[in-house]
Structure formats: structure tokens, C-alpha cells
């Protein structure tokens, strides 16, 4: 995952390349599970989990 020109985390791989991580997690929550169960680095999984937890927290506080 990388930041786009607006500072938003986006995927830089796969079918959602260039799309906001937060939006993909909302649209396709199964993608999160797929990444966690696939052969991605622990860092990638940790960053994705951090973003997911942040987004879930944002939903609760709204």
C-alpha cells in the first residue's frame, strides 16, 4: 500500500490497484480476509489491519 497525491492509502497491487484501502474494505470486506490468509508480508498485513481498525473506530465514533 502507498499514499496517493492526497495522502490517502491506496492499494498498489491486485484488482484494487489505485483504489482507496478504506473504500475497498467497505465495499469488499472479504478482500481483507483474503490478504490475511495469503502469502503477503507480515508488514502488509499489519498495515492493512491498522487501517481497518482505524476505519471501524471512525464508524463507531460517528
PDB file of N, CA and C in Angstrom:
ATOM      1  N   UNK A   1       0.830  -1.160   0.000  1.00  0.00           N
ATOM      2  CA  UNK A   1       0.000   0.000   0.000  1.00  0.00           C
ATOM      3  C   UNK A   1       0.887   1.240   0.000  1.00  0.00           C
ATOM      4  N   UNK A   2       0.369   2.252  -0.656  1.00  0.00           N
ATOM      5  CA  UNK A   2       1.103   3.517  -0.772  1.00  0.00           C
ATOM      6  C   UNK A   2       0.105   4.657  -0.554  1.00  0.00           C
ATOM      7  N   UNK A   3       0.638   5.861  -0.445  1.00  0.00           N
ATOM      8  CA  UNK A   3      -0.208   7.044  -0.351  1.00  0.00           C
ATOM      9  C   UNK A   3      -0.358   7.660  -1.730  1.00  0.00           C
ATOM     10  N   UNK A   4      -1.573   8.126  -2.042  1.00  0.00           N
ATOM     11  CA  UNK A   4      -1.771   8.836  -3.303  1.00  0.00           C
ATOM     12  C   UNK A   4      -1.388  10.308  -3.110  1.00  0.00           C
ATOM     13  N   UNK A   5      -1.622  11.119  -4.108  1.00  0.00           N
ATOM     14  CA  UNK A   5      -1.256  12.540  -4.059  1.00  0.00           C
ATOM     15  C   UNK A   5      -1.998  13.312  -2.972  1.00  0.00           C
ATOM     16  N   UNK A   6      -3.116  12.764  -2.498  1.00  0.00           N
ATOM     17  CA  UNK A   6      -3.905  13.421  -1.457  1.00  0.00           C
ATOM     18  C   UNK A   6      -3.628  12.861  -0.066  1.00  0.00           C
ATOM     19  N   UNK A   7      -2.646  11.967   0.045  1.00  0.00           N
ATOM     20  CA  UNK A   7      -2.296  11.379   1.326  1.00  0.00           C
ATOM     21  C   UNK A   7      -3.198  10.244   1.767  1.00  0.00           C
ATOM     22  N   UNK A   8      -3.965   9.690   0.835  1.00  0.00           N
ATOM     23  CA  UNK A   8      -4.880   8.587   1.118  1.00  0.00           C
ATOM     24  C   UNK A   8      -4.172   7.270   0.820  1.00  0.00           C
ATOM     25  N   UNK A   9      -4.322   6.283   1.721  1.00  0.00           N
ATOM     26  CA  UNK A   9      -3.729   4.974   1.475  1.00  0.00           C
ATOM     27  C   UNK A   9      -4.475   4.280   0.339  1.00  0.00           C
ATOM     28  N   UNK A  10      -3.733   3.808  -0.642  1.00  0.00           N
ATOM     29  CA  UNK A  10      -4.313   3.086  -1.768  1.00  0.00           C
ATOM     30  C   UNK A  10      -3.541   1.786  -1.975  1.00  0.00           C
ATOM     31  N   UNK A  11      -4.220   0.822  -2.551  1.00  0.00           N
ATOM     32  CA  UNK A  11      -3.545  -0.417  -2.904  1.00  0.00           C
ATOM     33  C   UNK A  11      -2.638  -0.164  -4.097  1.00  0.00           C
ATOM     34  N   UNK A  12      -1.450  -0.756  -4.061  1.00  0.00           N
ATOM     35  CA  UNK A  12      -0.551  -0.654  -5.212  1.00  0.00           C
ATOM     36  C   UNK A  12      -0.337  -2.028  -5.837  1.00  0.00           C
ATOM     37  N   UNK A  13      -1.317  -2.906  -5.631  1.00  0.00           N
ATOM     38  CA  UNK A  13      -1.260  -4.248  -6.191  1.00  0.00           C
ATOM     39  C   UNK A  13      -2.684  -4.785  -6.330  1.00  0.00           C
ATOM     40  N   UNK A  14      -2.812  -5.824  -7.103  1.00  0.00           N
ATOM     41  CA  UNK A  14      -4.065  -6.564  -7.192  1.00  0.00           C
ATOM     42  C   UNK A  14      -5.180  -5.883  -7.956  1.00  0.00           C
ATOM     43  N   UNK A  15      -6.357  -6.466  -7.823  1.00  0.00           N
ATOM     44  CA  UNK A  15      -7.509  -5.990  -8.596  1.00  0.00           C
ATOM     45  C   UNK A  15      -7.986  -4.613  -8.154  1.00  0.00           C
ATOM     46  N   UNK A  16      -7.565  -4.155  -6.968  1.00  0.00           N
ATOM     47  CA  UNK A  16      -7.968  -2.842  -6.483  1.00  0.00           C
ATOM     48  C   UNK A  16      -6.821  -1.839  -6.536  1.00  0.00           C
ATOM     49  N   UNK A  17      -5.862  -2.092  -7.380  1.00  0.00           N
ATOM     50  CA  UNK A  17      -4.708  -1.195  -7.507  1.00  0.00           C
ATOM     51  C   UNK A  17      -5.192   0.229  -7.804  1.00  0.00           C
ATOM     52  N   UNK A  18      -4.682   1.185  -6.995  1.00  0.00           N
ATOM     53  CA  UNK A  18      -5.039   2.584  -7.175  1.00  0.00           C
ATOM     54  C   UNK A  18      -6.288   3.018  -6.424  1.00  0.00           C
ATOM     55  N   UNK A  19      -6.985   2.072  -5.800  1.00  0.00           N
ATOM     56  CA  UNK A  19      -8.213   2.401  -5.076  1.00  0.00           C
ATOM     57  C   UNK A  19      -7.921   2.570  -3.592  1.00  0.00           C
ATOM     58  N   UNK A  20      -8.686   3.415  -2.928  1.00  0.00           N
ATOM     59  CA  UNK A  20      -8.559   3.673  -1.502  1.00  0.00           C
ATOM     60  C   UNK A  20      -8.738   2.383  -0.700  1.00  0.00           C
ATOM     61  N   UNK A  21      -7.806   2.134   0.211  1.00  0.00           N
ATOM     62  CA  UNK A  21      -7.891   0.947   1.055  1.00  0.00           C
ATOM     63  C   UNK A  21      -9.176   0.982   1.871  1.00  0.00           C
ATOM     64  N   UNK A  22      -9.487   2.115   2.474  1.00  0.00           N
ATOM     65  CA  UNK A  22     -10.694   2.238   3.295  1.00  0.00           C
ATOM     66  C   UNK A  22     -11.951   1.932   2.484  1.00  0.00           C
ATOM     67  N   UNK A  23     -12.020   2.433   1.266  1.00  0.00           N
ATOM     68  CA  UNK A  23     -13.199   2.191   0.428  1.00  0.00           C
ATOM     69  C   UNK A  23     -13.305   0.721   0.035  1.00  0.00           C
ATOM     70  N   UNK A  24     -12.182   0.105  -0.281  1.00  0.00           N
ATOM     71  CA  UNK A  24     -12.196  -1.313  -0.652  1.00  0.00           C
ATOM     72  C   UNK A  24     -12.643  -2.154   0.536  1.00  0.00           C
ATOM     73  N   UNK A  25     -12.171  -1.830   1.737  1.00  0.00           N
ATOM     74  CA  UNK A  25     -12.568  -2.592   2.916  1.00  0.00           C
ATOM     75  C   UNK A  25     -14.064  -2.481   3.172  1.00  0.00           C
ATOM     76  N   UNK A  26     -14.663  -1.348   2.849  1.00  0.00           N
ATOM     77  CA  UNK A  26     -16.112  -1.192   2.984  1.00  0.00           C
ATOM     78  C   UNK A  26     -16.844  -1.972   1.901  1.00  0.00           C
ATOM     79  N   UNK A  27     -16.345  -1.854   0.680  1.00  0.00           N
ATOM     80  CA  UNK A  27     -17.004  -2.453  -0.485  1.00  0.00           C
ATOM     81  C   UNK A  27     -16.839  -3.971  -0.534  1.00  0.00           C
ATOM     82  N   UNK A  28     -15.659  -4.453  -0.170  1.00  0.00           N
ATOM     83  CA  UNK A  28     -15.341  -5.878  -0.295  1.00  0.00           C
ATOM     84  C   UNK A  28     -14.596  -6.355   0.953  1.00  0.00           C
ATOM     85  N   UNK A  29     -15.313  -6.537   2.075  1.00  0.00           N
ATOM     86  CA  UNK A  29     -14.647  -6.932   3.319  1.00  0.00           C
ATOM     87  C   UNK A  29     -13.915  -8.272   3.213  1.00  0.00           C
ATOM     88  N   UNK A  30     -14.316  -9.115   2.294  1.00  0.00           N
ATOM     89  CA  UNK A  30     -13.647 -10.392   2.093  1.00  0.00           C
ATOM     90  C   UNK A  30     -12.223 -10.245   1.578  1.00  0.00           C
ATOM     91  N   UNK A  31     -11.924  -9.113   0.981  1.00  0.00           N
ATOM     92  CA  UNK A  31     -10.580  -8.863   0.470  1.00  0.00           C
ATOM     93  C   UNK A  31      -9.583  -8.806   1.623  1.00  0.00           C
ATOM     94  N   UNK A  32     -10.012  -8.269   2.753  1.00  0.00           N
ATOM     95  CA  UNK A  32      -9.170  -8.217   3.950  1.00  0.00           C
ATOM     96  C   UNK A  32      -8.804  -9.645   4.376  1.00  0.00           C
ATOM     97  N   UNK A  33      -9.785 -10.509   4.472  1.00  0.00           N
ATOM     98  CA  UNK A  33      -9.536 -11.905   4.858  1.00  0.00           C
ATOM     99  C   UNK A  33      -8.644 -12.603   3.854  1.00  0.00           C
ATOM    100  N   UNK A  34      -8.872 -12.337   2.592  1.00  0.00           N
ATOM    101  CA  UNK A  34      -8.060 -12.965   1.555  1.00  0.00           C
ATOM    102  C   UNK A  34      -6.592 -12.584   1.720  1.00  0.00           C
ATOM    103  N   UNK A  35      -6.320 -11.298   1.966  1.00  0.00           N
ATOM    104  CA  UNK A  35      -4.935 -10.861   2.144  1.00  0.00           C
ATOM    105  C   UNK A  35      -4.324 -11.508   3.385  1.00  0.00           C
ATOM    106  N   UNK A  36      -5.080 -11.530   4.494  1.00  0.00           N
ATOM    107  CA  UNK A  36      -4.539 -12.122   5.718  1.00  0.00           C
ATOM    108  C   UNK A  36      -4.226 -13.602   5.556  1.00  0.00           C
ATOM    109  N   UNK A  37      -4.976 -14.291   4.731  1.00  0.00           N
ATOM    110  CA  UNK A  37      -4.772 -15.730   4.537  1.00  0.00           C
ATOM    111  C   UNK A  37      -3.860 -16.056   3.365  1.00  0.00           C
ATOM    112  N   UNK A  38      -3.340 -15.031   2.708  1.00  0.00           N
ATOM    113  CA  UNK A  38      -2.460 -15.237   1.555  1.00  0.00           C
ATOM    114  C   UNK A  38      -1.015 -14.988   1.945  1.00  0.00           C
ATOM    115  N   UNK A  39      -0.140 -15.146   0.975  1.00  0.00           N
ATOM    116  CA  UNK A  39       1.300 -15.049   1.209  1.00  0.00           C
ATOM    117  C   UNK A  39       1.802 -13.611   1.066  1.00  0.00           C
ATOM    118  N   UNK A  40       1.238 -12.710   1.876  1.00  0.00           N
ATOM    119  CA  UNK A  40       1.713 -11.337   1.921  1.00  0.00           C
ATOM    120  C   UNK A  40       2.631 -11.194   3.133  1.00  0.00           C
ATOM    121  N   UNK A  41       3.470 -10.176   3.123  1.00  0.00           N
ATOM    122  CA  UNK A  41       4.378  -9.963   4.248  1.00  0.00           C
ATOM    123  C   UNK A  41       3.589  -9.606   5.508  1.00  0.00           C
ATOM    124  N   UNK A  42       4.201  -9.867   6.648  1.00  0.00           N
ATOM    125  CA  UNK A  42       3.564  -9.503   7.909  1.00  0.00           C
ATOM    126  C   UNK A  42       3.354  -7.999   7.995  1.00  0.00           C
ATOM    127  N   UNK A  43       4.266  -7.235   7.425  1.00  0.00           N
ATOM    128  CA  UNK A  43       4.113  -5.781   7.435  1.00  0.00           C
ATOM    129  C   UNK A  43       2.867  -5.353   6.658  1.00  0.00           C
ATOM    130  N   UNK A  44       2.651  -5.933   5.504  1.00  0.00           N
ATOM    131  CA  UNK A  44       1.458  -5.614   4.707  1.00  0.00           C
ATOM    132  C   UNK A  44       0.199  -5.936   5.494  1.00  0.00           C
ATOM    133  N   UNK A  45       0.184  -7.085   6.131  1.00  0.00           N
ATOM    134  CA  UNK A  45      -0.977  -7.493   6.918  1.00  0.00           C
ATOM    135  C   UNK A  45      -1.187  -6.558   8.110  1.00  0.00           C
ATOM    136  N   UNK A  46      -0.097  -6.150   8.745  1.00  0.00           N
ATOM    137  CA  UNK A  46      -0.194  -5.249   9.903  1.00  0.00           C
ATOM    138  C   UNK A  46      -0.715  -3.879   9.494  1.00  0.00           C
ATOM    139  N   UNK A  47      -0.211  -3.352   8.385  1.00  0.00           N
ATOM    140  CA  UNK A  47      -0.663  -2.040   7.910  1.00  0.00           C
ATOM    141  C   UNK A  47      -2.142  -2.103   7.536  1.00  0.00           C
ATOM    142  N   UNK A  48      -2.535  -3.160   6.854  1.00  0.00           N
ATOM    143  CA  UNK A  48      -3.938  -3.308   6.468  1.00  0.00           C
ATOM    144  C   UNK A  48      -4.833  -3.408   7.702  1.00  0.00           C
ATOM    145  N   UNK A  49      -4.399  -4.149   8.698  1.00  0.00           N
ATOM    146  CA  UNK A  49      -5.173  -4.286   9.933  1.00  0.00           C
ATOM    147  C   UNK A  49      -5.277  -2.950  10.645  1.00  0.00           C
ATOM    148  N   UNK A  50      -4.204  -2.185  10.672  1.00  0.00           N
ATOM    149  CA  UNK A  50      -4.226  -0.864  11.312  1.00  0.00           C
ATOM    150  C   UNK A  50      -5.249   0.045  10.626  1.00  0.00           C
ATOM    151  N   UNK A  51      -5.263   0.038   9.309  1.00  0.00           N
ATOM    152  CA  UNK A  51      -6.212   0.857   8.558  1.00  0.00           C
ATOM    153  C   UNK A  51      -7.641   0.376   8.833  1.00  0.00           C
ATOM    154  N   UNK A  52      -7.840  -0.924   8.841  1.00  0.00           N
ATOM    155  CA  UNK A  52      -9.177  -1.483   9.085  1.00  0.00           C
ATOM    156  C   UNK A  52      -9.681  -1.088  10.468  1.00  0.00           C
ATOM    157  N   UNK A  53      -8.829  -1.221  11.483  1.00  0.00           N
ATOM    158  CA  UNK A  53      -9.236  -0.854  12.839  1.00  0.00           C
ATOM    159  C   UNK A  53      -9.540   0.635  12.946  1.00  0.00           C
ATOM    160  N   UNK A  54      -8.742   1.455  12.284  1.00  0.00           N
ATOM    161  CA  UNK A  54      -8.984   2.898  12.290  1.00  0.00           C
ATOM    162  C   UNK A  54     -10.335   3.218  11.663  1.00  0.00           C
ATOM    163  N   UNK A  55     -10.622   2.586  10.536  1.00  0.00           N
ATOM    164  CA  UNK A  55     -11.887   2.841   9.847  1.00  0.00           C
ATOM    165  C   UNK A  55     -13.077   2.346  10.660  1.00  0.00           C
ATOM    166  N   UNK A  56     -12.923   1.209  11.327  1.00  0.00           N
ATOM    167  CA  UNK A  56     -14.004   0.705  12.172  1.00  0.00           C
ATOM    168  C   UNK A  56     -14.235   1.646  13.354  1.00  0.00           C
ATOM    169  N   UNK A  57     -13.170   2.160  13.916  1.00  0.00           N
ATOM    170  CA  UNK A  57     -13.261   3.123  15.017  1.00  0.00           C
ATOM    171  C   UNK A  57     -13.963   4.390  14.568  1.00  0.00           C
ATOM    172  N   UNK A  58     -13.656   4.841  13.364  1.00  0.00           N
ATOM    173  CA  UNK A  58     -14.294   6.041  12.816  1.00  0.00           C
ATOM    174  C   UNK A  58     -15.795   5.838  12.651  1.00  0.00           C
ATOM    175  N   UNK A  59     -16.216   4.630  12.285  1.00  0.00           N
ATOM    176  CA  UNK A  59     -17.644   4.350  12.135  1.00  0.00           C
ATOM    177  C   UNK A  59     -18.356   4.410  13.477  1.00  0.00           C
ATOM    178  N   UNK A  60     -17.678   3.936  14.504  1.00  0.00           N
ATOM    179  CA  UNK A  60     -18.291   3.889  15.840  1.00  0.00           C
ATOM    180  C   UNK A  60     -18.441   5.302  16.403  1.00  0.00           C
ATOM    181  N   UNK A  61     -17.451   6.153  16.151  1.00  0.00           N
ATOM    182  CA  UNK A  61     -17.480   7.495  16.739  1.00  0.00           C
ATOM    183  C   UNK A  61     -18.352   8.473  15.957  1.00  0.00           C
ATOM    184  N   UNK A  62     -18.822   8.088  14.804  1.00  0.00           N
ATOM    185  CA  UNK A  62     -19.677   8.998  14.012  1.00  0.00           C
ATOM    186  C   UNK A  62     -21.106   8.933  14.436  1.00  0.00           C
TER     187      UNK A  62
END
